[in-house]
Amino acid sequence: MYVCVCQAVTDRQIREAAESGARTLKDLRRDLGVTRDCGRCASCAHECLKEAHSCAPKPGKVNRMAA
């Protein structure tokens, strides 16, 4: 799904950015251009980023389902 139409940024790209270290909306703006033009995508982009981090495995935790 497109999150930022102005920059053609998708939720998948935001998840990938989160996996690569993006932690804030400012990081997404730097890396993907999110909010650079009209800014209407800010709340949705923030939610996607927050969701990406809440679903990510925690460092040092063992995923027992994968083992």
PDB file of N, CA and C in Angstrom:
ATOM      1  N   MET A   1       0.839  -1.164   0.000  1.00  0.00           N
ATOM      2  CA  MET A   1       0.000   0.000   0.000  1.00  0.00           C
ATOM      3  C   MET A   1       0.895   1.243   0.000  1.00  0.00           C
ATOM      4  N   TYR A   2       0.491   2.234  -0.785  1.00  0.00           N
ATOM      5  CA  TYR A   2       1.233   3.487  -0.779  1.00  0.00           C
ATOM      6  C   TYR A   2       0.910   4.268   0.484  1.00  0.00           C
ATOM      7  N   VAL A   3       1.948   4.700   1.156  1.00  0.00           N
ATOM      8  CA  VAL A   3       1.811   5.522   2.350  1.00  0.00           C
ATOM      9  C   VAL A   3       2.032   6.980   1.973  1.00  0.00           C
ATOM     10  N   CYS A   4       3.065   7.228   1.197  1.00  0.00           N
ATOM     11  CA  CYS A   4       3.380   8.581   0.734  1.00  0.00           C
ATOM     12  C   CYS A   4       3.251   8.605  -0.784  1.00  0.00           C
ATOM     13  N   VAL A   5       2.172   9.199  -1.248  1.00  0.00           N
ATOM     14  CA  VAL A   5       1.917   9.257  -2.683  1.00  0.00           C
ATOM     15  C   VAL A   5       2.900  10.212  -3.367  1.00  0.00           C
ATOM     16  N   CYS A   6       3.238  11.299  -2.715  1.00  0.00           N
ATOM     17  CA  CYS A   6       4.143  12.290  -3.309  1.00  0.00           C
ATOM     18  C   CYS A   6       5.503  11.694  -3.667  1.00  0.00           C
ATOM     19  N   GLN A   7       6.005  10.808  -2.813  1.00  0.00           N
ATOM     20  CA  GLN A   7       7.317  10.202  -3.027  1.00  0.00           C
ATOM     21  C   GLN A   7       7.217   8.732  -3.441  1.00  0.00           C
ATOM     22  N   ALA A   8       5.992   8.226  -3.611  1.00  0.00           N
ATOM     23  CA  ALA A   8       5.739   6.830  -4.010  1.00  0.00           C
ATOM     24  C   ALA A   8       6.399   5.843  -3.052  1.00  0.00           C
ATOM     25  N   VAL A   9       6.174   6.060  -1.746  1.00  0.00           N
ATOM     26  CA  VAL A   9       6.743   5.202  -0.703  1.00  0.00           C
ATOM     27  C   VAL A   9       5.650   4.260  -0.198  1.00  0.00           C
ATOM     28  N   THR A  10       5.998   2.977  -0.129  1.00  0.00           N
ATOM     29  CA  THR A  10       5.036   1.972   0.321  1.00  0.00           C
ATOM     30  C   THR A  10       5.304   1.538   1.759  1.00  0.00           C
ATOM     31  N   ASP A  11       4.320   0.850   2.330  1.00  0.00           N
ATOM     32  CA  ASP A  11       4.497   0.319   3.683  1.00  0.00           C
ATOM     33  C   ASP A  11       5.633  -0.697   3.719  1.00  0.00           C
ATOM     34  N   ARG A  12       5.831  -1.430   2.655  1.00  0.00           N
ATOM     35  CA  ARG A  12       6.941  -2.393   2.580  1.00  0.00           C
ATOM     36  C   ARG A  12       8.286  -1.675   2.683  1.00  0.00           C
ATOM     37  N   GLN A  13       8.415  -0.553   1.989  1.00  0.00           N
ATOM     38  CA  GLN A  13       9.659   0.210   2.058  1.00  0.00           C
ATOM     39  C   GLN A  13       9.907   0.745   3.473  1.00  0.00           C
ATOM     40  N   ILE A  14       8.837   1.121   4.146  1.00  0.00           N
ATOM     41  CA  ILE A  14       8.978   1.602   5.524  1.00  0.00           C
ATOM     42  C   ILE A  14       9.419   0.460   6.430  1.00  0.00           C
ATOM     43  N   ARG A  15       8.842  -0.727   6.255  1.00  0.00           N
ATOM     44  CA  ARG A  15       9.282  -1.890   7.047  1.00  0.00           C
ATOM     45  C   ARG A  15      10.747  -2.200   6.784  1.00  0.00           C
ATOM     46  N   GLU A  16      11.160  -2.153   5.529  1.00  0.00           N
ATOM     47  CA  GLU A  16      12.565  -2.405   5.189  1.00  0.00           C
ATOM     48  C   GLU A  16      13.479  -1.351   5.806  1.00  0.00           C
ATOM     49  N   ALA A  17      13.043  -0.108   5.791  1.00  0.00           N
ATOM     50  CA  ALA A  17      13.835   0.967   6.409  1.00  0.00           C
ATOM     51  C   ALA A  17      13.962   0.729   7.905  1.00  0.00           C
ATOM     52  N   ALA A  18      12.883   0.275   8.538  1.00  0.00           N
ATOM     53  CA  ALA A  18      12.919  -0.029   9.975  1.00  0.00           C
ATOM     54  C   ALA A  18      13.903  -1.155  10.248  1.00  0.00           C
ATOM     55  N   GLU A  19      13.897  -2.175   9.405  1.00  0.00           N
ATOM     56  CA  GLU A  19      14.844  -3.286   9.563  1.00  0.00           C
ATOM     57  C   GLU A  19      16.282  -2.828   9.374  1.00  0.00           C
ATOM     58  N   SER A  20      16.466  -1.771   8.581  1.00  0.00           N
ATOM     59  CA  SER A  20      17.800  -1.235   8.327  1.00  0.00           C
ATOM     60  C   SER A  20      18.217  -0.188   9.342  1.00  0.00           C
ATOM     61  N   GLY A  21      17.347   0.089  10.318  1.00  0.00           N
ATOM     62  CA  GLY A  21      17.753   0.990  11.389  1.00  0.00           C
ATOM     63  C   GLY A  21      16.939   2.255  11.559  1.00  0.00           C
ATOM     64  N   ALA A  22      15.994   2.534  10.673  1.00  0.00           N
ATOM     65  CA  ALA A  22      15.167   3.741  10.838  1.00  0.00           C
ATOM     66  C   ALA A  22      14.346   3.617  12.115  1.00  0.00           C
ATOM     67  N   ARG A  23      14.388   4.635  12.942  1.00  0.00           N
ATOM     68  CA  ARG A  23      13.678   4.617  14.217  1.00  0.00           C
ATOM     69  C   ARG A  23      12.639   5.727  14.340  1.00  0.00           C
ATOM     70  N   THR A  24      12.806   6.787  13.571  1.00  0.00           N
ATOM     71  CA  THR A  24      11.929   7.947  13.704  1.00  0.00           C
ATOM     72  C   THR A  24      11.409   8.395  12.337  1.00  0.00           C
ATOM     73  N   LEU A  25      10.419   9.275  12.370  1.00  0.00           N
ATOM     74  CA  LEU A  25       9.898   9.864  11.145  1.00  0.00           C
ATOM     75  C   LEU A  25      10.994  10.659  10.435  1.00  0.00           C
ATOM     76  N   LYS A  26      11.864  11.270  11.218  1.00  0.00           N
ATOM     77  CA  LYS A  26      12.990  12.010  10.646  1.00  0.00           C
ATOM     78  C   LYS A  26      13.904  11.069   9.849  1.00  0.00           C
ATOM     79  N   ASP A  27      14.110   9.851  10.364  1.00  0.00           N
ATOM     80  CA  ASP A  27      14.908   8.858   9.640  1.00  0.00           C
ATOM     81  C   ASP A  27      14.231   8.489   8.317  1.00  0.00           C
ATOM     82  N   LEU A  28      12.899   8.318   8.357  1.00  0.00           N
ATOM     83  CA  LEU A  28      12.167   7.977   7.129  1.00  0.00           C
ATOM     84  C   LEU A  28      12.231   9.113   6.116  1.00  0.00           C
ATOM     85  N   ARG A  29      12.185  10.322   6.607  1.00  0.00           N
ATOM     86  CA  ARG A  29      12.295  11.467   5.693  1.00  0.00           C
ATOM     87  C   ARG A  29      13.670  11.479   5.024  1.00  0.00           C
ATOM     88  N   ARG A  30      14.702  11.254   5.801  1.00  0.00           N
ATOM     89  CA  ARG A  30      16.065  11.232   5.268  1.00  0.00           C
ATOM     90  C   ARG A  30      16.243  10.084   4.267  1.00  0.00           C
ATOM     91  N   ASP A  31      15.756   8.907   4.630  1.00  0.00           N
ATOM     92  CA  ASP A  31      16.000   7.714   3.823  1.00  0.00           C
ATOM     93  C   ASP A  31      15.057   7.549   2.643  1.00  0.00           C
ATOM     94  N   LEU A  32      13.788   7.940   2.823  1.00  0.00           N
ATOM     95  CA  LEU A  32      12.775   7.662   1.803  1.00  0.00           C
ATOM     96  C   LEU A  32      12.075   8.901   1.248  1.00  0.00           C
ATOM     97  N   GLY A  33      12.223  10.033   1.907  1.00  0.00           N
ATOM     98  CA  GLY A  33      11.561  11.245   1.453  1.00  0.00           C
ATOM     99  C   GLY A  33      10.156  11.429   2.002  1.00  0.00           C
ATOM    100  N   VAL A  34       9.750  10.556   2.926  1.00  0.00           N
ATOM    101  CA  VAL A  34       8.422  10.641   3.524  1.00  0.00           C
ATOM    102  C   VAL A  34       8.252  12.000   4.194  1.00  0.00           C
ATOM    103  N   THR A  35       7.125  12.621   4.041  1.00  0.00           N
ATOM    104  CA  THR A  35       6.723  13.932   4.588  1.00  0.00           C
ATOM    105  C   THR A  35       7.453  15.119   3.947  1.00  0.00           C
ATOM    106  N   ARG A  36       8.248  14.868   2.948  1.00  0.00           N
ATOM    107  CA  ARG A  36       9.034  15.948   2.350  1.00  0.00           C
ATOM    108  C   ARG A  36       8.162  16.958   1.598  1.00  0.00           C
ATOM    109  N   ASP A  37       7.084  16.504   0.997  1.00  0.00           N
ATOM    110  CA  ASP A  37       6.253  17.416   0.201  1.00  0.00           C
ATOM    111  C   ASP A  37       5.051  17.925   0.996  1.00  0.00           C
ATOM    112  N   CYS A  38       3.928  17.249   0.935  1.00  0.00           N
ATOM    113  CA  CYS A  38       2.710  17.792   1.562  1.00  0.00           C
ATOM    114  C   CYS A  38       2.586  17.434   3.038  1.00  0.00           C
ATOM    115  N   GLY A  39       3.166  16.321   3.480  1.00  0.00           N
ATOM    116  CA  GLY A  39       3.136  15.941   4.886  1.00  0.00           C
ATOM    117  C   GLY A  39       1.916  15.165   5.343  1.00  0.00           C
ATOM    118  N   ARG A  40       0.967  14.917   4.444  1.00  0.00           N
ATOM    119  CA  ARG A  40      -0.249  14.192   4.840  1.00  0.00           C
ATOM    120  C   ARG A  40       0.015  12.754   5.254  1.00  0.00           C
ATOM    121  N   CYS A  41       1.139  12.213   4.871  1.00  0.00           N
ATOM    122  CA  CYS A  41       1.462  10.810   5.156  1.00  0.00           C
ATOM    123  C   CYS A  41       2.079  10.611   6.536  1.00  0.00           C
ATOM    124  N   ALA A  42       2.355  11.666   7.250  1.00  0.00           N
ATOM    125  CA  ALA A  42       3.117  11.579   8.499  1.00  0.00           C
ATOM    126  C   ALA A  42       2.520  10.605   9.503  1.00  0.00           C
ATOM    127  N   SER A  43       1.231  10.694   9.764  1.00  0.00           N
ATOM    128  CA  SER A  43       0.647   9.819  10.782  1.00  0.00           C
ATOM    129  C   SER A  43       0.648   8.360  10.341  1.00  0.00           C
ATOM    130  N   CYS A  44       0.337   8.105   9.084  1.00  0.00           N
ATOM    131  CA  CYS A  44       0.343   6.726   8.580  1.00  0.00           C
ATOM    132  C   CYS A  44       1.763   6.165   8.552  1.00  0.00           C
ATOM    133  N   ALA A  45       2.728   6.967   8.125  1.00  0.00           N
ATOM    134  CA  ALA A  45       4.124   6.528   8.094  1.00  0.00           C
ATOM    135  C   ALA A  45       4.610   6.212   9.497  1.00  0.00           C
ATOM    136  N   HIS A  46       4.231   7.047  10.454  1.00  0.00           N
ATOM    137  CA  HIS A  46       4.624   6.822  11.847  1.00  0.00           C
ATOM    138  C   HIS A  46       4.026   5.517  12.363  1.00  0.00           C
ATOM    139  N   GLU A  47       2.761   5.265  12.051  1.00  0.00           N
ATOM    140  CA  GLU A  47       2.102   4.021  12.471  1.00  0.00           C
ATOM    141  C   GLU A  47       2.778   2.800  11.841  1.00  0.00           C
ATOM    142  N   CYS A  48       3.110   2.880  10.570  1.00  0.00           N
ATOM    143  CA  CYS A  48       3.801   1.770   9.896  1.00  0.00           C
ATOM    144  C   CYS A  48       5.151   1.499  10.543  1.00  0.00           C
ATOM    145  N   LEU A  49       5.870   2.546  10.872  1.00  0.00           N
ATOM    146  CA  LEU A  49       7.174   2.407  11.518  1.00  0.00           C
ATOM    147  C   LEU A  49       7.018   1.787  12.898  1.00  0.00           C
ATOM    148  N   LYS A  50       6.044   2.263  13.655  1.00  0.00           N
ATOM    149  CA  LYS A  50       5.779   1.730  14.993  1.00  0.00           C
ATOM    150  C   LYS A  50       5.400   0.248  14.924  1.00  0.00           C
ATOM    151  N   GLU A  51       4.560  -0.098  13.964  1.00  0.00           N
ATOM    152  CA  GLU A  51       4.150  -1.486  13.786  1.00  0.00           C
ATOM    153  C   GLU A  51       5.332  -2.367  13.380  1.00  0.00           C
ATOM    154  N   ALA A  52       6.188  -1.856  12.518  1.00  0.00           N
ATOM    155  CA  ALA A  52       7.361  -2.617  12.087  1.00  0.00           C
ATOM    156  C   ALA A  52       8.261  -2.941  13.270  1.00  0.00           C
ATOM    157  N   HIS A  53       8.397  -1.993  14.188  1.00  0.00           N
ATOM    158  CA  HIS A  53       9.247  -2.231  15.354  1.00  0.00           C
ATOM    159  C   HIS A  53       8.578  -3.132  16.381  1.00  0.00           C
ATOM    160  N   SER A  54       7.270  -3.094  16.467  1.00  0.00           N
ATOM    161  CA  SER A  54       6.589  -3.950  17.440  1.00  0.00           C
ATOM    162  C   SER A  54       6.568  -5.405  16.977  1.00  0.00           C
ATOM    163  N   CYS A  55       6.662  -5.639  15.677  1.00  0.00           N
ATOM    164  CA  CYS A  55       6.658  -7.001  15.132  1.00  0.00           C
ATOM    165  C   CYS A  55       8.057  -7.581  14.994  1.00  0.00           C
ATOM    166  N   ALA A  56       9.064  -6.743  15.101  1.00  0.00           N
ATOM    167  CA  ALA A  56      10.441  -7.205  14.925  1.00  0.00           C
ATOM    168  C   ALA A  56      10.875  -8.053  16.108  1.00  0.00           C
ATOM    169  N   PRO A  57      11.655  -9.128  15.856  1.00  0.00           N
ATOM    170  CA  PRO A  57      12.159  -9.930  16.967  1.00  0.00           C
ATOM    171  C   PRO A  57      13.123  -9.117  17.820  1.00  0.00           C
ATOM    172  N   LYS A  58      13.059  -9.316  19.111  1.00  0.00           N
ATOM    173  CA  LYS A  58      13.935  -8.597  20.039  1.00  0.00           C
ATOM    174  C   LYS A  58      15.330  -9.226  20.020  1.00  0.00           C
ATOM    175  N   PRO A  59      16.376  -8.404  20.052  1.00  0.00           N
ATOM    176  CA  PRO A  59      17.734  -8.940  20.075  1.00  0.00           C
ATOM    177  C   PRO A  59      17.949  -9.836  21.288  1.00  0.00           C
ATOM    178  N   GLY A  60      18.591 -10.956  21.073  1.00  0.00           N
ATOM    179  CA  GLY A  60      18.910 -11.862  22.167  1.00  0.00           C
ATOM    180  C   GLY A  60      17.805 -12.841  22.496  1.00  0.00           C
ATOM    181  N   LYS A  61      16.638 -12.673  21.925  1.00  0.00           N
ATOM    182  CA  LYS A  61      15.526 -13.575  22.168  1.00  0.00           C
ATOM    183  C   LYS A  61      15.574 -14.720  21.156  1.00  0.00           C
ATOM    184  N   VAL A  62      15.277 -15.903  21.617  1.00  0.00           N
ATOM    185  CA  VAL A  62      15.277 -17.069  20.751  1.00  0.00           C
ATOM    186  C   VAL A  62      13.855 -17.301  20.278  1.00  0.00           C
ATOM    187  N   ASN A  63      13.709 -17.428  18.969  1.00  0.00           N
ATOM    188  CA  ASN A  63      12.399 -17.736  18.403  1.00  0.00           C
ATOM    189  C   ASN A  63      12.220 -19.247  18.474  1.00  0.00           C
ATOM    190  N   ARG A  64      11.479 -19.727  19.440  1.00  0.00           N
ATOM    191  CA  ARG A  64      11.311 -21.159  19.654  1.00  0.00           C
ATOM    192  C   ARG A  64      10.550 -21.840  18.516  1.00  0.00           C
ATOM    193  N   MET A  65       9.718 -21.092  17.808  1.00  0.00           N
ATOM    194  CA  MET A  65       8.984 -21.661  16.682  1.00  0.00           C
ATOM    195  C   MET A  65       9.934 -21.964  15.520  1.00  0.00           C
ATOM    196  N   ALA A  66      10.989 -21.172  15.357  1.00  0.00           N
ATOM    197  CA  ALA A  66      11.928 -21.373  14.261  1.00  0.00           C
ATOM    198  C   ALA A  66      12.957 -22.440  14.584  1.00  0.00           C
ATOM    199  N   ALA A  67      13.164 -22.718  15.873  1.00  0.00           N
ATOM    200  CA  ALA A  67      14.200 -23.661  16.274  1.00  0.00           C
ATOM    201  C   ALA A  67      13.767 -25.091  16.103  1.00  0.00           C
TER     202      ALA A  67
END
